[in-house]
Structure formats: C-alpha cells, structure tokens
N, C-alpha and C. Protein backbone atom coordinates (compact mmCIF):
# COMPACT_ATOMS: atom_id res chain seq x y z
N UNK A 1 -95.16 69.33 46.36
CA UNK A 1 -96.03 69.55 45.25
C UNK A 1 -97.48 69.45 45.74
N UNK A 2 -98.30 70.35 45.31
CA UNK A 2 -99.73 70.36 45.64
C UNK A 2 -100.50 69.98 44.38
N UNK A 3 -101.48 69.10 44.53
CA UNK A 3 -102.31 68.69 43.39
C UNK A 3 -103.79 68.92 43.71
N UNK A 4 -104.60 68.94 42.69
CA UNK A 4 -106.04 69.04 42.87
C UNK A 4 -106.56 67.74 43.45
N UNK A 5 -107.57 67.83 44.30
CA UNK A 5 -108.16 66.62 44.88
C UNK A 5 -109.06 65.95 43.86
N UNK A 6 -109.29 64.66 44.09
CA UNK A 6 -110.18 63.90 43.22
C UNK A 6 -111.00 62.96 44.09
N UNK A 7 -112.28 62.83 43.77
CA UNK A 7 -113.17 61.96 44.52
C UNK A 7 -113.43 60.68 43.76
N UNK A 8 -113.62 59.60 44.51
CA UNK A 8 -113.87 58.27 43.95
C UNK A 8 -115.03 57.63 44.68
N UNK A 9 -115.69 56.70 43.99
CA UNK A 9 -116.70 55.86 44.62
C UNK A 9 -116.44 54.43 44.19
N UNK A 10 -116.25 53.56 45.17
CA UNK A 10 -116.00 52.15 44.91
C UNK A 10 -116.85 51.35 45.91
N UNK A 11 -117.68 50.47 45.42
CA UNK A 11 -118.52 49.63 46.28
C UNK A 11 -119.24 50.44 47.36
N UNK A 12 -119.86 51.52 46.96
CA UNK A 12 -120.62 52.41 47.84
C UNK A 12 -119.77 53.14 48.88
N UNK A 13 -118.47 53.16 48.71
CA UNK A 13 -117.60 53.96 49.57
C UNK A 13 -117.13 55.17 48.79
N UNK A 14 -117.40 56.35 49.31
CA UNK A 14 -116.93 57.59 48.70
C UNK A 14 -115.68 58.04 49.45
N UNK A 15 -114.62 58.32 48.70
CA UNK A 15 -113.42 58.84 49.32
C UNK A 15 -112.75 59.84 48.41
N UNK A 16 -111.89 60.64 49.02
CA UNK A 16 -111.19 61.69 48.31
C UNK A 16 -109.69 61.49 48.48
N UNK A 17 -108.95 61.71 47.40
CA UNK A 17 -107.49 61.73 47.46
C UNK A 17 -107.08 63.19 47.24
N UNK A 18 -106.25 63.70 48.14
CA UNK A 18 -105.84 65.11 48.05
C UNK A 18 -104.45 65.28 48.64
N UNK A 19 -103.88 66.44 48.40
CA UNK A 19 -102.59 66.76 49.02
C UNK A 19 -102.75 66.91 50.52
N UNK A 20 -101.74 66.46 51.25
CA UNK A 20 -101.74 66.64 52.70
C UNK A 20 -101.64 68.12 53.03
N UNK A 21 -102.29 68.52 54.11
CA UNK A 21 -102.29 69.91 54.57
C UNK A 21 -101.76 69.94 56.00
N UNK A 22 -101.23 71.09 56.40
CA UNK A 22 -100.66 71.24 57.74
C UNK A 22 -101.65 70.79 58.81
N UNK A 23 -102.93 71.07 58.62
CA UNK A 23 -103.95 70.69 59.61
C UNK A 23 -104.10 69.17 59.75
N UNK A 24 -103.54 68.39 58.82
CA UNK A 24 -103.61 66.93 58.87
C UNK A 24 -102.53 66.32 59.75
N UNK A 25 -101.58 67.10 60.21
CA UNK A 25 -100.38 66.57 60.86
C UNK A 25 -100.66 65.65 62.03
N UNK A 26 -101.48 66.09 62.98
CA UNK A 26 -101.76 65.26 64.16
C UNK A 26 -102.46 63.96 63.75
N UNK A 27 -103.45 64.07 62.86
CA UNK A 27 -104.18 62.88 62.41
C UNK A 27 -103.25 61.93 61.65
N UNK A 28 -102.32 62.46 60.89
CA UNK A 28 -101.36 61.61 60.17
C UNK A 28 -100.46 60.86 61.14
N UNK A 29 -100.04 61.51 62.20
CA UNK A 29 -99.20 60.84 63.19
C UNK A 29 -99.95 59.65 63.79
N UNK A 30 -101.20 59.87 64.15
CA UNK A 30 -102.02 58.80 64.73
C UNK A 30 -102.33 57.70 63.70
N UNK A 31 -102.62 58.11 62.47
CA UNK A 31 -102.94 57.16 61.41
C UNK A 31 -101.75 56.26 61.10
N UNK A 32 -100.57 56.86 60.97
CA UNK A 32 -99.37 56.07 60.66
C UNK A 32 -99.09 55.05 61.75
N UNK A 33 -99.26 55.45 63.00
CA UNK A 33 -99.05 54.53 64.12
C UNK A 33 -100.05 53.38 64.05
N UNK A 34 -101.31 53.68 63.75
CA UNK A 34 -102.33 52.64 63.64
C UNK A 34 -102.02 51.68 62.49
N UNK A 35 -101.71 52.23 61.32
CA UNK A 35 -101.44 51.40 60.15
C UNK A 35 -100.23 50.50 60.39
N UNK A 36 -99.19 51.03 61.04
CA UNK A 36 -98.00 50.23 61.33
C UNK A 36 -98.34 49.00 62.16
N UNK A 37 -99.38 49.08 62.97
CA UNK A 37 -99.75 47.96 63.82
C UNK A 37 -100.74 47.00 63.17
N UNK A 38 -101.21 47.31 61.96
CA UNK A 38 -102.24 46.49 61.32
C UNK A 38 -101.70 45.50 60.30
N UNK A 39 -100.42 45.58 59.99
CA UNK A 39 -99.86 44.69 58.98
C UNK A 39 -98.40 44.37 59.28
N UNK A 40 -98.01 43.16 58.97
CA UNK A 40 -96.60 42.78 59.10
C UNK A 40 -95.85 43.00 57.79
N UNK A 41 -96.53 43.58 56.80
CA UNK A 41 -95.94 43.77 55.47
C UNK A 41 -95.25 45.13 55.31
N UNK A 42 -95.12 45.87 56.38
CA UNK A 42 -94.46 47.17 56.33
C UNK A 42 -93.03 47.05 56.85
N UNK A 43 -92.24 48.08 56.61
CA UNK A 43 -90.83 48.02 57.00
C UNK A 43 -90.58 48.34 58.47
N UNK A 44 -91.62 48.68 59.20
CA UNK A 44 -91.43 48.99 60.63
C UNK A 44 -92.57 48.40 61.45
N UNK A 45 -92.28 48.18 62.72
CA UNK A 45 -93.31 47.72 63.64
C UNK A 45 -93.97 48.93 64.28
N UNK A 46 -95.11 48.72 64.91
CA UNK A 46 -95.85 49.82 65.51
C UNK A 46 -94.98 50.59 66.50
N UNK A 47 -94.92 51.89 66.31
CA UNK A 47 -94.16 52.76 67.19
C UNK A 47 -92.72 53.00 66.76
N UNK A 48 -92.21 52.20 65.87
CA UNK A 48 -90.83 52.36 65.40
C UNK A 48 -90.75 53.54 64.44
N UNK A 49 -89.72 54.36 64.58
CA UNK A 49 -89.52 55.55 63.74
C UNK A 49 -90.75 56.47 63.81
N UNK A 50 -91.29 56.62 65.02
CA UNK A 50 -92.48 57.43 65.26
C UNK A 50 -92.26 58.88 64.82
N UNK A 51 -93.27 59.45 64.17
CA UNK A 51 -93.25 60.87 63.79
C UNK A 51 -94.44 61.54 64.46
N UNK A 52 -94.18 62.56 65.26
CA UNK A 52 -95.27 63.25 65.94
C UNK A 52 -95.88 64.31 65.01
N UNK A 53 -96.89 65.01 65.51
CA UNK A 53 -97.57 66.02 64.71
C UNK A 53 -96.64 67.10 64.19
N UNK A 54 -95.72 67.56 65.02
CA UNK A 54 -94.77 68.59 64.59
C UNK A 54 -93.87 68.07 63.47
N UNK A 55 -93.48 66.82 63.58
CA UNK A 55 -92.66 66.21 62.52
C UNK A 55 -93.40 66.15 61.21
N UNK A 56 -94.68 65.79 61.29
CA UNK A 56 -95.49 65.75 60.06
C UNK A 56 -95.72 67.14 59.50
N UNK A 57 -95.86 68.15 60.35
CA UNK A 57 -96.00 69.51 59.85
C UNK A 57 -94.80 69.89 59.00
N UNK A 58 -93.62 69.57 59.47
CA UNK A 58 -92.40 69.90 58.72
C UNK A 58 -92.35 69.14 57.39
N UNK A 59 -92.72 67.87 57.41
CA UNK A 59 -92.71 67.07 56.18
C UNK A 59 -93.73 67.63 55.18
N UNK A 60 -94.93 67.93 55.65
CA UNK A 60 -95.98 68.45 54.77
C UNK A 60 -95.55 69.79 54.16
N UNK A 61 -94.99 70.67 54.98
CA UNK A 61 -94.53 71.97 54.48
C UNK A 61 -93.46 71.79 53.42
N UNK A 62 -92.48 70.95 53.70
CA UNK A 62 -91.39 70.71 52.77
C UNK A 62 -91.91 70.09 51.46
N UNK A 63 -92.77 69.09 51.58
CA UNK A 63 -93.29 68.42 50.38
C UNK A 63 -94.19 69.34 49.57
N UNK A 64 -94.94 70.20 50.23
CA UNK A 64 -95.82 71.13 49.52
C UNK A 64 -95.03 72.14 48.70
N UNK A 65 -93.87 72.52 49.19
CA UNK A 65 -93.02 73.50 48.52
C UNK A 65 -92.11 72.88 47.46
N UNK A 66 -91.99 71.57 47.45
CA UNK A 66 -91.06 70.87 46.57
C UNK A 66 -91.71 70.44 45.26
N UNK A 67 -90.94 70.48 44.19
CA UNK A 67 -91.41 69.92 42.92
C UNK A 67 -91.05 68.44 42.80
N UNK A 68 -90.22 67.93 43.72
CA UNK A 68 -89.75 66.55 43.68
C UNK A 68 -90.51 65.62 44.62
N UNK A 69 -91.31 66.18 45.52
CA UNK A 69 -92.00 65.38 46.53
C UNK A 69 -93.51 65.59 46.43
N UNK A 70 -94.25 64.56 46.83
CA UNK A 70 -95.70 64.69 46.91
C UNK A 70 -96.18 63.86 48.09
N UNK A 71 -97.12 64.42 48.83
CA UNK A 71 -97.68 63.77 50.01
C UNK A 71 -99.19 63.82 49.86
N UNK A 72 -99.81 62.66 49.67
CA UNK A 72 -101.25 62.57 49.46
C UNK A 72 -101.92 61.88 50.64
N UNK A 73 -103.16 62.24 50.90
CA UNK A 73 -103.96 61.56 51.91
C UNK A 73 -105.26 61.08 51.29
N UNK A 74 -105.81 60.03 51.89
CA UNK A 74 -107.13 59.52 51.51
C UNK A 74 -108.07 59.86 52.65
N UNK A 75 -109.22 60.42 52.30
CA UNK A 75 -110.17 60.91 53.29
C UNK A 75 -111.55 60.33 53.03
N UNK A 76 -112.19 59.82 54.08
CA UNK A 76 -113.57 59.33 54.02
C UNK A 76 -114.37 60.09 55.06
N UNK A 77 -115.38 60.80 54.61
CA UNK A 77 -116.25 61.57 55.51
C UNK A 77 -115.44 62.45 56.46
N UNK A 78 -114.41 63.10 55.96
CA UNK A 78 -113.61 64.01 56.77
C UNK A 78 -112.57 63.36 57.65
N UNK A 79 -112.43 62.03 57.59
CA UNK A 79 -111.46 61.29 58.39
C UNK A 79 -110.38 60.71 57.49
N UNK A 80 -109.12 60.88 57.88
CA UNK A 80 -108.02 60.30 57.10
C UNK A 80 -107.98 58.80 57.31
N UNK A 81 -107.92 58.06 56.20
CA UNK A 81 -107.87 56.60 56.26
C UNK A 81 -106.65 56.03 55.57
N UNK A 82 -105.87 56.89 54.91
CA UNK A 82 -104.67 56.42 54.23
C UNK A 82 -103.81 57.58 53.78
N UNK A 83 -102.62 57.25 53.32
CA UNK A 83 -101.69 58.27 52.83
C UNK A 83 -100.69 57.62 51.89
N UNK A 84 -100.08 58.44 51.06
CA UNK A 84 -98.93 58.00 50.28
C UNK A 84 -97.98 59.17 50.15
N UNK A 85 -96.72 58.84 50.06
CA UNK A 85 -95.70 59.88 49.95
C UNK A 85 -94.64 59.41 48.97
N UNK A 86 -94.27 60.32 48.10
CA UNK A 86 -93.22 60.06 47.13
C UNK A 86 -92.16 61.15 47.33
N UNK A 87 -90.95 60.74 47.67
CA UNK A 87 -89.87 61.69 47.92
C UNK A 87 -88.81 61.53 46.84
N UNK A 88 -88.64 62.60 46.07
CA UNK A 88 -87.63 62.60 45.01
C UNK A 88 -86.25 62.88 45.56
N UNK A 89 -85.31 62.91 44.66
CA UNK A 89 -83.92 63.11 45.04
C UNK A 89 -83.41 64.40 44.41
N UNK A 90 -82.70 65.20 45.18
CA UNK A 90 -82.17 66.48 44.70
C UNK A 90 -80.86 66.31 43.92
N UNK A 91 -80.19 65.19 44.07
CA UNK A 91 -78.92 64.98 43.40
C UNK A 91 -79.14 64.70 41.92
N UNK A 92 -78.39 65.35 41.06
CA UNK A 92 -78.58 65.20 39.61
C UNK A 92 -78.40 63.75 39.16
N UNK A 93 -77.39 63.08 39.67
CA UNK A 93 -77.14 61.70 39.24
C UNK A 93 -78.16 60.70 39.78
N UNK A 94 -78.93 61.13 40.77
CA UNK A 94 -79.94 60.26 41.34
C UNK A 94 -81.36 60.81 41.13
N UNK A 95 -81.49 61.78 40.26
CA UNK A 95 -82.79 62.45 40.09
C UNK A 95 -83.87 61.52 39.54
N UNK A 96 -83.47 60.38 39.01
CA UNK A 96 -84.44 59.41 38.48
C UNK A 96 -84.97 58.47 39.58
N UNK A 97 -84.44 58.58 40.78
CA UNK A 97 -84.83 57.70 41.88
C UNK A 97 -85.79 58.41 42.83
N UNK A 98 -86.73 57.64 43.36
CA UNK A 98 -87.64 58.16 44.38
C UNK A 98 -87.83 57.10 45.46
N UNK A 99 -88.27 57.56 46.62
CA UNK A 99 -88.69 56.65 47.69
C UNK A 99 -90.19 56.82 47.81
N UNK A 100 -90.92 55.72 47.79
CA UNK A 100 -92.37 55.77 47.77
C UNK A 100 -92.93 54.89 48.87
N UNK A 101 -93.95 55.39 49.55
CA UNK A 101 -94.62 54.60 50.57
C UNK A 101 -96.11 54.85 50.53
N UNK A 102 -96.87 53.84 50.92
CA UNK A 102 -98.32 53.97 50.96
C UNK A 102 -98.84 53.18 52.16
N UNK A 103 -99.87 53.71 52.80
CA UNK A 103 -100.50 53.02 53.92
C UNK A 103 -101.99 53.30 53.93
N UNK A 104 -102.77 52.26 54.14
CA UNK A 104 -104.23 52.38 54.20
C UNK A 104 -104.71 51.57 55.40
N UNK A 105 -105.63 52.15 56.17
CA UNK A 105 -106.19 51.43 57.30
C UNK A 105 -106.81 50.12 56.84
N UNK A 106 -106.64 49.09 57.62
CA UNK A 106 -107.10 47.76 57.26
C UNK A 106 -108.60 47.73 56.93
N UNK A 107 -109.41 48.50 57.63
CA UNK A 107 -110.85 48.55 57.37
C UNK A 107 -111.17 49.04 55.96
N UNK A 108 -110.19 49.67 55.29
CA UNK A 108 -110.42 50.24 53.97
C UNK A 108 -109.62 49.53 52.87
N UNK A 109 -109.05 48.39 53.19
CA UNK A 109 -108.38 47.58 52.16
C UNK A 109 -109.44 47.07 51.18
N UNK A 110 -109.07 46.93 49.93
CA UNK A 110 -109.95 46.35 48.93
C UNK A 110 -110.77 47.37 48.15
N UNK A 111 -110.63 48.65 48.45
CA UNK A 111 -111.35 49.69 47.73
C UNK A 111 -110.48 50.40 46.69
N UNK A 112 -109.25 49.97 46.54
CA UNK A 112 -108.35 50.59 45.56
C UNK A 112 -107.78 51.91 46.00
N UNK A 113 -107.91 52.23 47.28
CA UNK A 113 -107.43 53.53 47.76
C UNK A 113 -105.94 53.71 47.52
N UNK A 114 -105.15 52.70 47.74
CA UNK A 114 -103.71 52.80 47.54
C UNK A 114 -103.29 52.83 46.09
N UNK A 115 -104.21 52.61 45.18
CA UNK A 115 -103.91 52.62 43.75
C UNK A 115 -104.31 53.92 43.06
N UNK A 116 -105.10 54.73 43.71
CA UNK A 116 -105.64 55.95 43.10
C UNK A 116 -104.76 57.15 43.37
N UNK A 117 -104.80 58.11 42.46
CA UNK A 117 -104.12 59.38 42.65
C UNK A 117 -104.83 60.45 41.83
N UNK A 118 -104.81 61.68 42.30
CA UNK A 118 -105.40 62.75 41.51
C UNK A 118 -104.67 62.89 40.18
N UNK A 119 -105.42 62.98 39.12
CA UNK A 119 -104.85 63.21 37.79
C UNK A 119 -103.78 62.20 37.40
N UNK A 120 -103.78 61.02 38.04
CA UNK A 120 -102.81 59.96 37.74
C UNK A 120 -101.36 60.46 37.74
N UNK A 121 -101.00 61.27 38.71
CA UNK A 121 -99.65 61.83 38.75
C UNK A 121 -98.65 60.90 39.39
N UNK A 122 -99.12 59.93 40.17
CA UNK A 122 -98.18 59.01 40.84
C UNK A 122 -98.12 57.69 40.09
C-alpha cells in the first residue's frame, strides 16, 4: 500500500513519514542493522536475520502492490532515521491479524517518530 507523505515538527526537528520506495532499499538495510545494535528491546541482535538491499527491494515492491501491507520510513533532511512495517495476512480466517514492527535510530528517540503515520492509517 502506498500512502501520501506527511511532515511533522517536534522540538525543532522536522521529519517526514512516507511510503518506502525502491531507492530506499540499500539505506534501509544499513538502517535496520544499525537500529538492531542500538537496543536490547528488539527481537534480534545486530546482524541476525540480515536483509540486504536486494531483499528490501523485494519487500518494498511487494508491500507497495499489496492492500494488506504497508512499509513506512521516517526521513530527516533526506536521511532515513526510522521505519515501520505492517504485514497483513492473506488467509481469510486470519485476515484480522497483522505483524507490526517499528525501529527508530537512538539519536531520534523522544520525537514521537514511531508514533506518527500519514493520515493516521496505522
């Protein structure tokens, strides 16, 4: 699913939440690896279940074409600082279930980035 982007300003930090794009793939791979190493509150340690740029391209393409999935990124001055992904279920009996994840670089914690979404769709 693709959504319109939305800009926010919190404590003099301007950031944008938008749908992930194919051109974000390499940066997302690097960002996810960095975020995994910044907190012990995630389900994986740094480097575990690594996804390279090509893997992210496939995920972004699939999510962009799907009505059940959404992949959002947070951007500050053209640099990705966070992401969230919601993956729906294709099975009718499980269509009410989703898997959701969010990650924000430690330097950007406290700005509400992980709580925001365009048009409050998430």
